[in-house]
Amino acid sequence: MTLASNFTLFLMAFMVDFLWATTVSPLASQSPLTKIHIIYIEDDYDYGEGTPQPKPNSSLPRLTTAQSTPQACDYDLCVVQDVPCFMLSTKTKCYCPGLTGPEQVPEPPQLRELKQRASGEVEVYWCAPLSTITHYKVVMDDEEGHGPVFSELSRNGTIQGLKVGSRVCVVAVNNAGFSVKNDRSCARFEPQQTSQAALMSGVIVGCIGFLVLLSLAALLLWRRKSCKKSGTLDGVGLRNPTYSANETI
């Protein structure tokens, strides 16, 4: 036999042995099975959100809705205040209404009332605008730019020598200028009847009413006396034995 024939026979024998080993004992080459002990560990993460979320700590204080929501400051723009709103906000953590800055001309105040006192002075009441204010002025039309000055926290002031029919205006002032005068910040001084005049009128009306009642009472008393006197005369005539209906007295 030639060398090629021998090599062919050797290759065929090797393939037969390999096929026999793989078909007859397929588990011969596998390693023996071993048991694996699985340990389950619980964690505190929520994998559904994609980001781990730790559980809340019950020992930490929780913020309520009232604590987390800022509250408006108890600051009435029409009432005299002791401190500016920003100081109240710093102390109580409340928030103030928005104000325009000092570089802008202030908005006009609101003139609420003109009230005349018994002494003749006039009390002016107003509400502050939502602007940065340094002071206020109360002026009349015939005195342009002149008038008493009041502080930024003032909401009322007294003026003297005001004539009936004069137009009074409250002007807010800051470094940028003066507020404009309009129907909101101005009013005509038309005083109502003073308390003394009203009292005198009441006294006069009361006196007149008393005199009328007294006159009516006197009239009724006179009529009553007249009726009694007439009845007495009739009774005397009936008791007189010499009197008869046919005789003439």
Protein backbone atom coordinates (compact mmCIF):
# COMPACT_ATOMS: atom_id res chain seq x y z
CA MET A 1 0.00 0.00 0.00
CA THR A 2 1.17 3.46 -0.76
CA LEU A 3 1.67 6.27 1.72
CA ALA A 4 -1.44 8.11 0.49
CA SER A 5 -3.58 5.06 1.08
CA ASN A 6 -2.29 4.69 4.66
CA PHE A 7 -3.00 8.34 5.46
CA THR A 8 -6.53 8.02 4.09
CA LEU A 9 -7.24 4.96 6.25
CA PHE A 10 -5.86 6.73 9.37
CA LEU A 11 -8.05 9.78 8.77
CA MET A 12 -11.17 7.66 8.33
CA ALA A 13 -10.46 5.76 11.56
CA PHE A 14 -10.02 8.98 13.50
CA MET A 15 -13.32 10.39 12.27
CA VAL A 16 -15.16 7.18 13.18
CA ASP A 17 -13.76 7.29 16.73
CA PHE A 18 -14.71 10.99 17.11
CA LEU A 19 -18.29 10.46 15.94
CA TRP A 20 -18.66 7.48 18.25
CA ALA A 21 -17.49 9.45 21.26
CA THR A 22 -19.86 12.40 20.63
CA THR A 23 -22.96 10.24 19.99
CA VAL A 24 -22.55 7.49 22.56
CA SER A 25 -21.42 9.53 25.63
CA PRO A 26 -22.43 13.18 25.20
CA LEU A 27 -22.23 13.84 28.96
CA ALA A 28 -18.72 12.46 29.34
CA SER A 29 -17.12 15.80 28.60
CA GLN A 30 -19.50 17.88 30.83
CA SER A 31 -18.55 18.84 34.35
CA PRO A 32 -20.76 17.59 37.21
CA LEU A 33 -23.71 19.84 38.26
CA THR A 34 -23.44 21.80 41.50
CA LYS A 35 -26.24 23.44 43.54
CA ILE A 36 -26.18 27.24 43.88
CA HIS A 37 -27.64 28.85 47.05
CA ILE A 38 -29.47 32.07 46.10
CA ILE A 39 -29.75 34.80 48.76
CA TYR A 40 -32.54 37.37 48.33
CA ILE A 41 -31.70 40.88 49.57
CA GLU A 42 -34.42 43.55 50.08
CA ASP A 43 -33.53 47.15 49.31
CA ASP A 44 -35.35 50.51 49.64
CA TYR A 45 -35.06 51.66 46.04
CA ASP A 46 -37.81 52.07 43.51
CA TYR A 47 -36.47 50.75 40.22
CA GLY A 48 -39.62 51.68 38.33
CA GLU A 49 -38.68 55.38 38.28
CA GLY A 50 -35.15 54.76 37.06
CA THR A 51 -33.67 56.80 39.92
CA PRO A 52 -33.33 55.39 43.46
CA GLN A 53 -35.63 57.17 45.92
CA PRO A 54 -34.82 56.79 49.61
CA LYS A 55 -37.63 56.33 52.07
CA PRO A 56 -38.59 59.46 54.08
CA ASN A 57 -37.09 59.73 57.49
CA SER A 58 -39.87 59.95 60.05
CA SER A 59 -37.59 61.70 62.53
CA LEU A 60 -37.22 64.81 60.32
CA PRO A 61 -39.88 67.59 60.57
CA ARG A 62 -42.25 67.85 57.64
CA LEU A 63 -43.29 71.17 56.11
CA THR A 64 -47.03 71.73 55.96
CA THR A 65 -48.78 73.56 53.14
CA ALA A 66 -49.16 76.68 55.27
CA GLN A 67 -45.44 76.66 56.11
CA SER A 68 -44.29 76.11 52.55
CA THR A 69 -46.65 78.71 50.99
CA PRO A 70 -45.61 82.34 51.67
CA GLN A 71 -48.26 84.59 53.16
CA ALA A 72 -48.94 88.24 52.32
CA CYS A 73 -47.89 90.74 54.98
CA ASP A 74 -50.59 92.30 57.14
CA TYR A 75 -49.84 95.74 55.75
CA ASP A 76 -52.78 98.09 55.03
CA LEU A 77 -51.86 100.86 52.60
CA CYS A 78 -54.59 103.11 54.07
CA VAL A 79 -53.55 102.79 57.75
CA VAL A 80 -50.67 104.52 59.51
CA GLN A 81 -47.82 102.01 59.90
CA ASP A 82 -45.00 101.90 62.47
CA VAL A 83 -42.39 100.32 60.17
CA PRO A 84 -41.98 99.89 56.39
CA CYS A 85 -43.25 96.69 54.84
CA PHE A 86 -39.77 95.33 54.03
CA MET A 87 -38.90 95.35 57.75
CA LEU A 88 -42.09 93.43 58.52
CA SER A 89 -41.22 90.96 55.75
CA THR A 90 -37.74 90.38 57.19
CA LYS A 91 -39.19 89.72 60.64
CA THR A 92 -42.17 87.50 59.78
CA LYS A 93 -41.02 85.99 56.41
CA CYS A 94 -44.12 87.34 54.66
CA TYR A 95 -44.09 89.02 51.25
CA CYS A 96 -44.91 92.65 50.52
CA PRO A 97 -46.87 93.96 47.51
CA GLY A 98 -44.71 94.85 44.55
CA LEU A 99 -43.47 98.45 44.46
CA THR A 100 -41.96 100.49 41.66
CA GLY A 101 -38.35 101.46 42.24
CA PRO A 102 -36.96 104.82 43.39
CA GLU A 103 -35.90 105.63 39.84
CA GLN A 104 -39.55 105.77 38.70
CA VAL A 105 -42.01 108.60 39.41
CA PRO A 106 -44.49 107.39 42.07
CA GLU A 107 -48.10 106.62 41.31
CA PRO A 108 -50.76 109.03 42.69
CA PRO A 109 -52.04 108.31 46.21
CA GLN A 110 -55.75 107.83 46.81
CA LEU A 111 -57.38 110.68 48.73
CA ARG A 112 -60.01 109.07 50.96
CA GLU A 113 -61.62 111.85 52.97
CA LEU A 114 -61.56 115.52 53.96
CA LYS A 115 -62.93 116.04 57.46
CA GLN A 116 -63.28 119.41 59.17
CA ARG A 117 -62.63 119.65 62.90
CA ALA A 118 -64.46 121.89 65.38
CA SER A 119 -61.38 124.15 65.51
CA GLY A 120 -61.63 124.80 61.76
CA GLU A 121 -58.66 122.61 60.75
CA VAL A 122 -59.15 120.04 58.01
CA GLU A 123 -57.96 116.45 58.38
CA VAL A 124 -56.85 114.80 55.12
CA TYR A 125 -56.81 110.99 54.81
CA TRP A 126 -55.17 109.04 51.97
CA CYS A 127 -53.91 105.58 50.89
CA ALA A 128 -50.33 104.95 49.80
CA PRO A 129 -49.57 103.96 46.18
CA LEU A 130 -47.54 100.89 45.19
CA SER A 131 -44.41 102.99 44.72
CA THR A 132 -41.21 103.87 46.54
CA ILE A 133 -41.97 107.03 48.54
CA THR A 134 -39.74 109.44 50.48
CA HIS A 135 -42.52 111.79 51.68
CA TYR A 136 -45.95 113.26 50.89
CA LYS A 137 -47.25 116.77 50.27
CA VAL A 138 -50.78 118.12 50.66
CA VAL A 139 -51.25 121.01 48.24
CA MET A 140 -54.03 123.24 46.91
CA ASP A 141 -54.49 124.31 43.31
CA ASP A 142 -53.80 127.93 44.14
CA GLU A 143 -50.55 126.99 45.92
CA GLU A 144 -48.75 124.91 43.30
CA GLY A 145 -45.87 122.98 44.86
CA HIS A 146 -46.42 124.43 48.34
CA GLY A 147 -48.00 122.67 51.29
CA PRO A 148 -47.24 120.73 54.46
CA VAL A 149 -44.90 117.74 54.21
CA PHE A 150 -45.59 114.35 55.81
CA SER A 151 -43.40 111.25 56.19
CA GLU A 152 -43.59 108.16 53.99
CA LEU A 153 -45.40 106.23 56.76
CA SER A 154 -48.11 108.90 57.19
CA ARG A 155 -51.65 108.25 55.98
CA ASN A 156 -53.28 111.46 57.25
CA GLY A 157 -52.37 115.09 57.93
CA THR A 158 -53.90 118.36 59.14
CA ILE A 159 -54.04 121.60 57.13
CA GLN A 160 -55.25 125.06 58.14
CA GLY A 161 -56.87 127.99 56.40
CA LEU A 162 -58.65 125.87 53.80
CA LYS A 163 -61.41 127.72 51.97
CA VAL A 164 -64.71 126.15 51.01
CA GLY A 165 -64.56 124.89 47.43
CA SER A 166 -60.76 124.60 47.33
CA ARG A 167 -59.30 121.63 45.50
CA VAL A 168 -57.00 119.58 47.77
CA CYS A 169 -54.45 117.09 46.38
CA VAL A 170 -52.10 114.57 47.99
CA VAL A 171 -48.80 114.22 46.11
CA ALA A 172 -46.29 111.37 46.58
CA VAL A 173 -42.59 112.30 46.20
CA ASN A 174 -39.34 110.38 45.65
CA ASN A 175 -35.98 111.10 44.02
CA ALA A 176 -37.50 110.69 40.54
CA GLY A 177 -40.14 113.40 41.01
CA PHE A 178 -43.75 114.09 42.01
CA SER A 179 -46.85 112.03 41.31
CA VAL A 180 -49.44 113.55 39.00
CA LYS A 181 -52.63 115.12 40.38
CA ASN A 182 -55.84 113.51 39.16
CA ASP A 183 -59.35 112.67 40.34
CA ARG A 184 -57.95 109.83 42.43
CA SER A 185 -55.60 112.01 44.48
CA CYS A 186 -57.66 115.25 44.62
CA ALA A 187 -61.04 116.34 46.02
CA ARG A 188 -63.08 119.50 46.56
CA PHE A 189 -63.45 120.75 50.11
CA GLU A 190 -67.18 121.06 50.72
CA PRO A 191 -67.73 120.88 54.48
CA GLN A 192 -71.01 119.57 55.77
CA GLN A 193 -73.01 121.20 58.52
CA THR A 194 -70.89 121.46 61.66
CA SER A 195 -71.87 119.64 64.83
CA GLN A 196 -72.62 122.90 66.72
CA ALA A 197 -74.99 124.12 64.02
CA ALA A 198 -76.71 120.75 63.96
CA LEU A 199 -77.07 120.89 67.74
CA MET A 200 -78.59 124.38 67.62
CA SER A 201 -81.03 123.29 64.93
CA GLY A 202 -82.06 120.35 67.07
CA VAL A 203 -82.62 122.60 70.09
CA ILE A 204 -84.74 125.04 68.08
CA VAL A 205 -86.88 122.28 66.60
CA GLY A 206 -87.32 120.77 70.05
CA CYS A 207 -88.41 124.10 71.55
CA ILE A 208 -90.94 124.68 68.81
CA GLY A 209 -92.37 121.22 69.28
CA PHE A 210 -92.61 121.74 73.02
CA LEU A 211 -94.49 125.04 72.56
CA VAL A 212 -96.93 123.40 70.18
CA LEU A 213 -97.62 120.58 72.62
CA LEU A 214 -98.04 123.07 75.45
CA SER A 215 -100.54 125.09 73.40
CA LEU A 216 -102.57 121.98 72.61
CA ALA A 217 -102.60 120.97 76.25
CA ALA A 218 -103.81 124.44 77.32
CA LEU A 219 -106.57 124.37 74.67
CA LEU A 220 -107.79 120.95 75.80
CA LEU A 221 -107.77 122.05 79.44
CA TRP A 222 -109.79 125.17 78.63
CA ARG A 223 -112.38 123.19 76.68
CA ARG A 224 -112.71 120.74 79.53
CA LYS A 225 -113.29 123.49 82.07
CA SER A 226 -115.89 125.10 79.79
CA CYS A 227 -117.80 121.82 79.51
CA LYS A 228 -117.79 121.33 83.29
CA LYS A 229 -119.09 124.87 83.89
CA SER A 230 -121.93 124.40 81.42
CA GLY A 231 -122.95 121.12 83.04
CA THR A 232 -123.01 122.70 86.53
CA LEU A 233 -125.44 125.45 85.51
CA ASP A 234 -127.82 122.93 83.96
CA GLY A 235 -127.84 120.87 87.14
CA VAL A 236 -128.67 123.88 89.41
CA GLY A 237 -131.64 124.88 87.28
CA LEU A 238 -133.18 121.39 87.50
CA ARG A 239 -132.93 121.30 91.30
CA ASN A 240 -134.65 124.67 91.79
CA PRO A 241 -138.34 124.01 92.76
CA THR A 242 -139.48 127.35 91.41
CA TYR A 243 -138.10 126.60 87.99
CA SER A 244 -140.27 125.00 85.35
CA ALA A 245 -139.86 124.46 81.67
CA ASN A 246 -142.85 126.83 80.94
CA GLU A 247 -141.53 129.75 82.95
CA THR A 248 -139.11 132.33 81.85
CA ILE A 249 -136.37 133.31 84.22
